[in-house]
Amino acid sequence: MFVVNNFMMALAGLIDFLLTAYMWIIIGRAIISWVNADPYNPIVRFLYEATEPLLGRIRRMLPLSMGGIDFSPMILIMVIMFLQSFLVPTMKQIAMRMG
């Protein structure tokens, strides 16, 4: 049973790391949107391609009259923070109970 315990703990740590990395990618995307970045730059293209699928979904759910301010990165970061404070500890507690 310790194998499943270790697997769940490792999976929780990996999910936590990936969520943190994606949060920084979103922050980078938000910062890039404030300046006139070259859209053909590979880093800029990566930031847009990595974040646009989720940010686009959030934008479709938001009301259209938001005063020209895009709140979708902030909402996505809050979702990530929720997952980090709920999903990751829950997985770790399940792993601890298994062991």
C-alpha atoms as a PDB file:
ATOM      1  CA  MET A   1       0.000   0.000   0.000  1.00  0.00           C
ATOM      2  CA  PHE A   2       2.970   2.323   0.510  1.00  0.00           C
ATOM      3  CA  VAL A   3       3.472   2.357  -3.278  1.00  0.00           C
ATOM      4  CA  VAL A   4       0.023   3.893  -3.808  1.00  0.00           C
ATOM      5  CA  ASN A   5       0.732   6.317  -0.947  1.00  0.00           C
ATOM      6  CA  ASN A   6       4.004   7.442  -2.524  1.00  0.00           C
ATOM      7  CA  PHE A   7       2.372   7.684  -5.956  1.00  0.00           C
ATOM      8  CA  MET A   8      -0.441   9.905  -4.639  1.00  0.00           C
ATOM      9  CA  MET A   9       2.027  12.142  -2.784  1.00  0.00           C
ATOM     10  CA  ALA A  10       4.211  12.458  -5.883  1.00  0.00           C
ATOM     11  CA  LEU A  11       1.172  13.162  -8.058  1.00  0.00           C
ATOM     12  CA  ALA A  12      -0.013  15.861  -5.645  1.00  0.00           C
ATOM     13  CA  GLY A  13       3.444  17.466  -5.707  1.00  0.00           C
ATOM     14  CA  LEU A  14       3.557  17.334  -9.504  1.00  0.00           C
ATOM     15  CA  ILE A  15       0.086  18.880  -9.821  1.00  0.00           C
ATOM     16  CA  ASP A  16       1.098  21.631  -7.393  1.00  0.00           C
ATOM     17  CA  PHE A  17       4.240  22.349  -9.430  1.00  0.00           C
ATOM     18  CA  LEU A  18       2.355  22.390 -12.744  1.00  0.00           C
ATOM     19  CA  LEU A  19      -0.316  24.718 -11.366  1.00  0.00           C
ATOM     20  CA  THR A  20       2.373  27.092 -10.071  1.00  0.00           C
ATOM     21  CA  ALA A  21       4.208  27.032 -13.405  1.00  0.00           C
ATOM     22  CA  TYR A  22       0.979  27.714 -15.299  1.00  0.00           C
ATOM     23  CA  MET A  23       0.181  30.587 -12.957  1.00  0.00           C
ATOM     24  CA  TRP A  24       3.536  32.174 -13.831  1.00  0.00           C
ATOM     25  CA  ILE A  25       2.825  31.637 -17.530  1.00  0.00           C
ATOM     26  CA  ILE A  26      -0.464  33.509 -17.079  1.00  0.00           C
ATOM     27  CA  ILE A  27       1.324  36.328 -15.259  1.00  0.00           C
ATOM     28  CA  GLY A  28       3.863  36.500 -18.104  1.00  0.00           C
ATOM     29  CA  ARG A  29       1.027  36.661 -20.614  1.00  0.00           C
ATOM     30  CA  ALA A  30      -0.612  39.511 -18.689  1.00  0.00           C
ATOM     31  CA  ILE A  31       2.658  41.463 -18.550  1.00  0.00           C
ATOM     32  CA  ILE A  32       3.272  40.896 -22.267  1.00  0.00           C
ATOM     33  CA  SER A  33      -0.208  42.250 -23.033  1.00  0.00           C
ATOM     34  CA  TRP A  34       0.682  45.578 -21.376  1.00  0.00           C
ATOM     35  CA  VAL A  35       3.570  46.252 -23.772  1.00  0.00           C
ATOM     36  CA  ASN A  36       3.701  46.173 -27.529  1.00  0.00           C
ATOM     37  CA  ALA A  37       5.467  42.818 -27.836  1.00  0.00           C
ATOM     38  CA  ASP A  38       6.413  41.309 -31.167  1.00  0.00           C
ATOM     39  CA  PRO A  39       3.678  38.733 -31.959  1.00  0.00           C
ATOM     40  CA  TYR A  40       6.185  36.678 -33.978  1.00  0.00           C
ATOM     41  CA  ASN A  41       8.539  36.228 -31.030  1.00  0.00           C
ATOM     42  CA  PRO A  42       8.541  32.525 -30.053  1.00  0.00           C
ATOM     43  CA  ILE A  43       8.177  33.312 -26.350  1.00  0.00           C
ATOM     44  CA  VAL A  44       5.213  35.608 -26.961  1.00  0.00           C
ATOM     45  CA  ARG A  45       3.598  33.010 -29.235  1.00  0.00           C
ATOM     46  CA  PHE A  46       4.124  30.308 -26.595  1.00  0.00           C
ATOM     47  CA  LEU A  47       2.542  32.468 -23.888  1.00  0.00           C
ATOM     48  CA  TYR A  48      -0.486  33.179 -26.064  1.00  0.00           C
ATOM     49  CA  GLU A  49      -0.885  29.582 -27.262  1.00  0.00           C
ATOM     50  CA  ALA A  50      -0.517  28.154 -23.756  1.00  0.00           C
ATOM     51  CA  THR A  51      -3.031  30.481 -22.123  1.00  0.00           C
ATOM     52  CA  GLU A  52      -5.592  31.417 -24.763  1.00  0.00           C
ATOM     53  CA  PRO A  53      -7.694  28.215 -24.616  1.00  0.00           C
ATOM     54  CA  LEU A  54      -8.588  28.745 -20.942  1.00  0.00           C
ATOM     55  CA  LEU A  55      -8.620  32.526 -21.007  1.00  0.00           C
ATOM     56  CA  GLY A  56     -10.869  32.483 -24.076  1.00  0.00           C
ATOM     57  CA  ARG A  57     -13.396  30.266 -22.290  1.00  0.00           C
ATOM     58  CA  ILE A  58     -13.428  32.569 -19.289  1.00  0.00           C
ATOM     59  CA  ARG A  59     -13.881  35.637 -21.529  1.00  0.00           C
ATOM     60  CA  ARG A  60     -16.907  34.009 -23.180  1.00  0.00           C
ATOM     61  CA  MET A  61     -18.525  33.527 -19.754  1.00  0.00           C
ATOM     62  CA  LEU A  62     -17.850  37.098 -18.568  1.00  0.00           C
ATOM     63  CA  PRO A  63     -20.248  39.934 -19.387  1.00  0.00           C
ATOM     64  CA  LEU A  64     -19.201  41.997 -22.385  1.00  0.00           C
ATOM     65  CA  SER A  65     -19.269  45.411 -20.677  1.00  0.00           C
ATOM     66  CA  MET A  66     -16.240  45.165 -18.396  1.00  0.00           C
ATOM     67  CA  GLY A  67     -14.904  48.635 -19.154  1.00  0.00           C
ATOM     68  CA  GLY A  68     -12.144  47.393 -21.454  1.00  0.00           C
ATOM     69  CA  ILE A  69     -10.278  45.609 -18.658  1.00  0.00           C
ATOM     70  CA  ASP A  70      -9.597  41.899 -19.110  1.00  0.00           C
ATOM     71  CA  PHE A  71     -10.221  40.154 -15.801  1.00  0.00           C
ATOM     72  CA  SER A  72      -9.824  36.648 -17.228  1.00  0.00           C
ATOM     73  CA  PRO A  73      -6.166  36.198 -16.122  1.00  0.00           C
ATOM     74  CA  MET A  74      -7.073  37.203 -12.564  1.00  0.00           C
ATOM     75  CA  ILE A  75     -10.028  34.798 -12.529  1.00  0.00           C
ATOM     76  CA  LEU A  76      -7.886  31.960 -13.864  1.00  0.00           C
ATOM     77  CA  ILE A  77      -5.203  32.644 -11.245  1.00  0.00           C
ATOM     78  CA  MET A  78      -7.894  32.507  -8.534  1.00  0.00           C
ATOM     79  CA  VAL A  79      -9.061  29.139  -9.901  1.00  0.00           C
ATOM     80  CA  ILE A  80      -5.476  27.868  -9.802  1.00  0.00           C
ATOM     81  CA  MET A  81      -5.059  29.120  -6.226  1.00  0.00           C
ATOM     82  CA  PHE A  82      -8.281  27.342  -5.258  1.00  0.00           C
ATOM     83  CA  LEU A  83      -7.043  24.100  -6.808  1.00  0.00           C
ATOM     84  CA  GLN A  84      -3.724  24.451  -5.012  1.00  0.00           C
ATOM     85  CA  SER A  85      -5.403  25.003  -1.662  1.00  0.00           C
ATOM     86  CA  PHE A  86      -8.128  22.346  -2.100  1.00  0.00           C
ATOM     87  CA  LEU A  87      -7.089  19.646  -4.570  1.00  0.00           C
ATOM     88  CA  VAL A  88      -3.428  19.234  -3.617  1.00  0.00           C
ATOM     89  CA  PRO A  89      -3.985  18.992   0.178  1.00  0.00           C
ATOM     90  CA  THR A  90      -6.935  16.651  -0.387  1.00  0.00           C
ATOM     91  CA  MET A  91      -4.770  14.344  -2.472  1.00  0.00           C
ATOM     92  CA  LYS A  92      -2.066  14.424   0.187  1.00  0.00           C
ATOM     93  CA  GLN A  93      -4.556  13.610   2.948  1.00  0.00           C
ATOM     94  CA  ILE A  94      -5.952  10.701   0.936  1.00  0.00           C
ATOM     95  CA  ALA A  95      -2.410   9.423   0.447  1.00  0.00           C
ATOM     96  CA  MET A  96      -1.679   9.739   4.171  1.00  0.00           C
ATOM     97  CA  ARG A  97      -4.795   7.742   5.057  1.00  0.00           C
ATOM     98  CA  MET A  98      -3.814   5.010   2.607  1.00  0.00           C
ATOM     99  CA  GLY A  99      -0.410   4.584   4.189  1.00  0.00           C
END
